[in-house]
C-alpha atoms as a PDB file:
ATOM      1  CA  MET A   1      -1.818  -1.659  19.576  1.00  0.00           C
ATOM      2  CA  GLU A   2       0.401  -2.602  16.701  1.00  0.00           C
ATOM      3  CA  ASN A   3       3.087  -0.100  15.708  1.00  0.00           C
ATOM      4  CA  TYR A   4       2.904   0.571  11.978  1.00  0.00           C
ATOM      5  CA  ILE A   5       3.083   3.409   9.498  1.00  0.00           C
ATOM      6  CA  SER A   6      -0.282   4.189   7.988  1.00  0.00           C
ATOM      7  CA  ARG A   7      -0.776   6.660   5.225  1.00  0.00           C
ATOM      8  CA  TYR A   8      -3.671   7.997   7.288  1.00  0.00           C
ATOM      9  CA  ASN A   9      -1.847   8.780  10.525  1.00  0.00           C
ATOM     10  CA  PHE A  10       1.538  10.005   9.365  1.00  0.00           C
ATOM     11  CA  GLY A  11       2.455  12.618   6.814  1.00  0.00           C
ATOM     12  CA  VAL A  12      -1.073  13.806   6.199  1.00  0.00           C
ATOM     13  CA  LYS A  13      -2.619  17.138   5.436  1.00  0.00           C
ATOM     14  CA  LYS A  14      -6.161  18.410   5.313  1.00  0.00           C
ATOM     15  CA  ILE A  15      -7.464  19.740   2.038  1.00  0.00           C
ATOM     16  CA  ALA A  16     -10.780  21.110   0.834  1.00  0.00           C
ATOM     17  CA  HIS A  17     -12.465  19.362  -2.059  1.00  0.00           C
ATOM     18  CA  LYS A  18     -15.939  20.217  -3.342  1.00  0.00           C
ATOM     19  CA  GLY A  19     -16.748  22.091  -0.164  1.00  0.00           C
ATOM     20  CA  LYS A  20     -15.675  19.250   2.142  1.00  0.00           C
ATOM     21  CA  THR A  21     -12.514  18.846   4.180  1.00  0.00           C
ATOM     22  CA  THR A  22     -10.643  15.593   3.767  1.00  0.00           C
ATOM     23  CA  THR A  23      -7.313  14.143   4.831  1.00  0.00           C
ATOM     24  CA  THR A  24      -4.691  12.950   2.356  1.00  0.00           C
ATOM     25  CA  SER A  25      -1.064  11.884   2.245  1.00  0.00           C
ATOM     26  CA  ILE A  26      -0.709  12.781  -1.441  1.00  0.00           C
ATOM     27  CA  ASN A  27       1.923  15.476  -2.060  1.00  0.00           C
ATOM     28  CA  THR A  28       3.319  15.284   1.461  1.00  0.00           C
ATOM     29  CA  THR A  29       6.951  14.621   2.352  1.00  0.00           C
ATOM     30  CA  PHE A  30       5.928  11.186   3.679  1.00  0.00           C
ATOM     31  CA  PHE A  31       4.259  10.250   0.394  1.00  0.00           C
ATOM     32  CA  ASP A  32       7.111  11.606  -1.723  1.00  0.00           C
ATOM     33  CA  ASP A  33       9.696   9.688   0.349  1.00  0.00           C
ATOM     34  CA  ILE A  34       7.743   6.445   0.033  1.00  0.00           C
ATOM     35  CA  LYS A  35       7.195   6.957  -3.679  1.00  0.00           C
ATOM     36  CA  SER A  36      10.859   7.736  -4.363  1.00  0.00           C
ATOM     37  CA  SER A  37      11.983   4.570  -2.556  1.00  0.00           C
ATOM     38  CA  ILE A  38       9.848   2.221  -4.662  1.00  0.00           C
ATOM     39  CA  ASP A  39      12.471   1.600  -7.343  1.00  0.00           C
ATOM     40  CA  SER A  40      15.090   0.572  -4.790  1.00  0.00           C
ATOM     41  CA  GLN A  41      12.891  -1.759  -2.722  1.00  0.00           C
ATOM     42  CA  PRO A  42      13.660  -5.466  -3.111  1.00  0.00           C
ATOM     43  CA  TYR A  43      10.649  -7.655  -3.825  1.00  0.00           C
ATOM     44  CA  SER A  44       9.313 -11.158  -4.386  1.00  0.00           C
ATOM     45  CA  ILE A  45       6.770 -12.173  -6.982  1.00  0.00           C
ATOM     46  CA  GLY A  46       3.379 -13.521  -5.938  1.00  0.00           C
ATOM     47  CA  ALA A  47       0.296 -14.837  -7.721  1.00  0.00           C
ATOM     48  CA  VAL A  48      -3.263 -13.925  -6.797  1.00  0.00           C
ATOM     49  CA  LYS A  49      -5.308 -16.904  -5.626  1.00  0.00           C
ATOM     50  CA  GLU A  50      -9.085 -17.042  -5.848  1.00  0.00           C
ATOM     51  CA  TYR A  51      -9.572 -16.508  -2.106  1.00  0.00           C
ATOM     52  CA  VAL A  52      -7.646 -13.205  -2.116  1.00  0.00           C
ATOM     53  CA  LYS A  53      -8.836 -11.706  -5.403  1.00  0.00           C
ATOM     54  CA  HIS A  54      -9.459  -7.964  -5.200  1.00  0.00           C
ATOM     55  CA  ARG A  55      -8.324  -7.993  -1.528  1.00  0.00           C
ATOM     56  CA  PRO A  56      -5.047  -6.131  -1.006  1.00  0.00           C
ATOM     57  CA  ASP A  57      -5.813  -6.057   2.732  1.00  0.00           C
ATOM     58  CA  VAL A  58      -5.823  -9.874   2.910  1.00  0.00           C
ATOM     59  CA  ILE A  59      -2.658 -10.107   0.793  1.00  0.00           C
ATOM     60  CA  SER A  60      -0.983  -7.603   3.118  1.00  0.00           C
ATOM     61  CA  ASP A  61      -2.015  -9.687   6.115  1.00  0.00           C
ATOM     62  CA  LEU A  62      -0.617 -12.860   4.528  1.00  0.00           C
ATOM     63  CA  PHE A  63       2.809 -11.389   3.831  1.00  0.00           C
ATOM     64  CA  TYR A  64       3.227  -8.782   6.570  1.00  0.00           C
ATOM     65  CA  ASN A  65       1.009 -10.154   9.370  1.00  0.00           C
ATOM     66  CA  THR A  66      -1.057  -6.987   9.232  1.00  0.00           C
ATOM     67  CA  SER A  67      -3.607  -5.674   6.764  1.00  0.00           C
ATOM     68  CA  THR A  68      -2.408  -2.102   7.166  1.00  0.00           C
ATOM     69  CA  TYR A  69       0.081  -2.135   4.258  1.00  0.00           C
ATOM     70  CA  TRP A  70      -2.580  -2.800   1.600  1.00  0.00           C
ATOM     71  CA  TRP A  71      -2.070   0.709   0.241  1.00  0.00           C
ATOM     72  CA  TYR A  72       1.673   0.153  -0.245  1.00  0.00           C
ATOM     73  CA  LEU A  73       1.072  -3.081  -2.159  1.00  0.00           C
ATOM     74  CA  LEU A  74      -1.227  -1.185  -4.530  1.00  0.00           C
ATOM     75  CA  MET A  75       1.160   1.748  -4.876  1.00  0.00           C
ATOM     76  CA  TYR A  76       4.182  -0.525  -5.393  1.00  0.00           C
ATOM     77  CA  ASN A  77       2.341  -2.411  -8.138  1.00  0.00           C
ATOM     78  CA  ASN A  78       1.003   0.782  -9.712  1.00  0.00           C
ATOM     79  CA  MET A  79      -2.586  -0.321  -9.122  1.00  0.00           C
ATOM     80  CA  ASN A  80      -5.293   2.263  -8.580  1.00  0.00           C
ATOM     81  CA  ASP A  81      -8.338   0.043  -8.255  1.00  0.00           C
ATOM     82  CA  PRO A  82      -8.137  -3.402  -6.650  1.00  0.00           C
ATOM     83  CA  PHE A  83     -11.526  -4.303  -8.132  1.00  0.00           C
ATOM     84  CA  ASN A  84     -10.095  -4.073 -11.640  1.00  0.00           C
ATOM     85  CA  SER A  85      -6.816  -5.708 -10.714  1.00  0.00           C
ATOM     86  CA  LEU A  86      -5.666  -8.482  -8.389  1.00  0.00           C
ATOM     87  CA  ASN A  87      -7.564 -11.066 -10.388  1.00  0.00           C
ATOM     88  CA  PRO A  88      -6.930 -14.805  -9.929  1.00  0.00           C
ATOM     89  CA  SER A  89      -3.637 -15.887 -11.520  1.00  0.00           C
ATOM     90  CA  ASP A  90      -2.422 -12.267 -11.891  1.00  0.00           C
ATOM     91  CA  SER A  91       1.124 -11.876 -10.680  1.00  0.00           C
ATOM     92  CA  PHE A  92       2.141  -8.984  -8.470  1.00  0.00           C
ATOM     93  CA  LEU A  93       5.224  -7.738  -6.660  1.00  0.00           C
ATOM     94  CA  ILE A  94       5.560  -8.155  -2.906  1.00  0.00           C
ATOM     95  CA  PRO A  95       7.986  -5.503  -1.654  1.00  0.00           C
ATOM     96  CA  VAL A  96      10.244  -6.134   1.319  1.00  0.00           C
ATOM     97  CA  ILE A  97       9.217  -3.464   3.818  1.00  0.00           C
ATOM     98  CA  ASP A  98      11.555  -4.156   6.747  1.00  0.00           C
ATOM     99  CA  GLU A  99      13.825  -1.167   6.199  1.00  0.00           C
ATOM    100  CA  LEU A 100      11.155   1.129   4.797  1.00  0.00           C
ATOM    101  CA  PHE A 101       8.728   0.830   7.688  1.00  0.00           C
ATOM    102  CA  GLY A 102      11.109  -0.407  10.382  1.00  0.00           C
ATOM    103  CA  LYS A 103       9.434  -3.799  10.675  1.00  0.00           C
END
């Protein structure tokens, strides 16, 4: 199995919401550390092609050889909803993750 940092298996906590228990990384040390490092991360600039529109998982796979960093691409680009962003010909930032995730 591939060794990667996922927001779902590291730095998570369980919370109750509307009577259900869910898992989140929001407001954890892991999340805060990742968020605070965004401004210092080097990046490249990419353009969304038709075949990857609305697909941060495919973009992650293209640049990092794994789809698991889709969430970081969205967070780095301050995108909340890939279905209303990542449109063809949109530009986006591709952060270098080597140091951040030990890749």
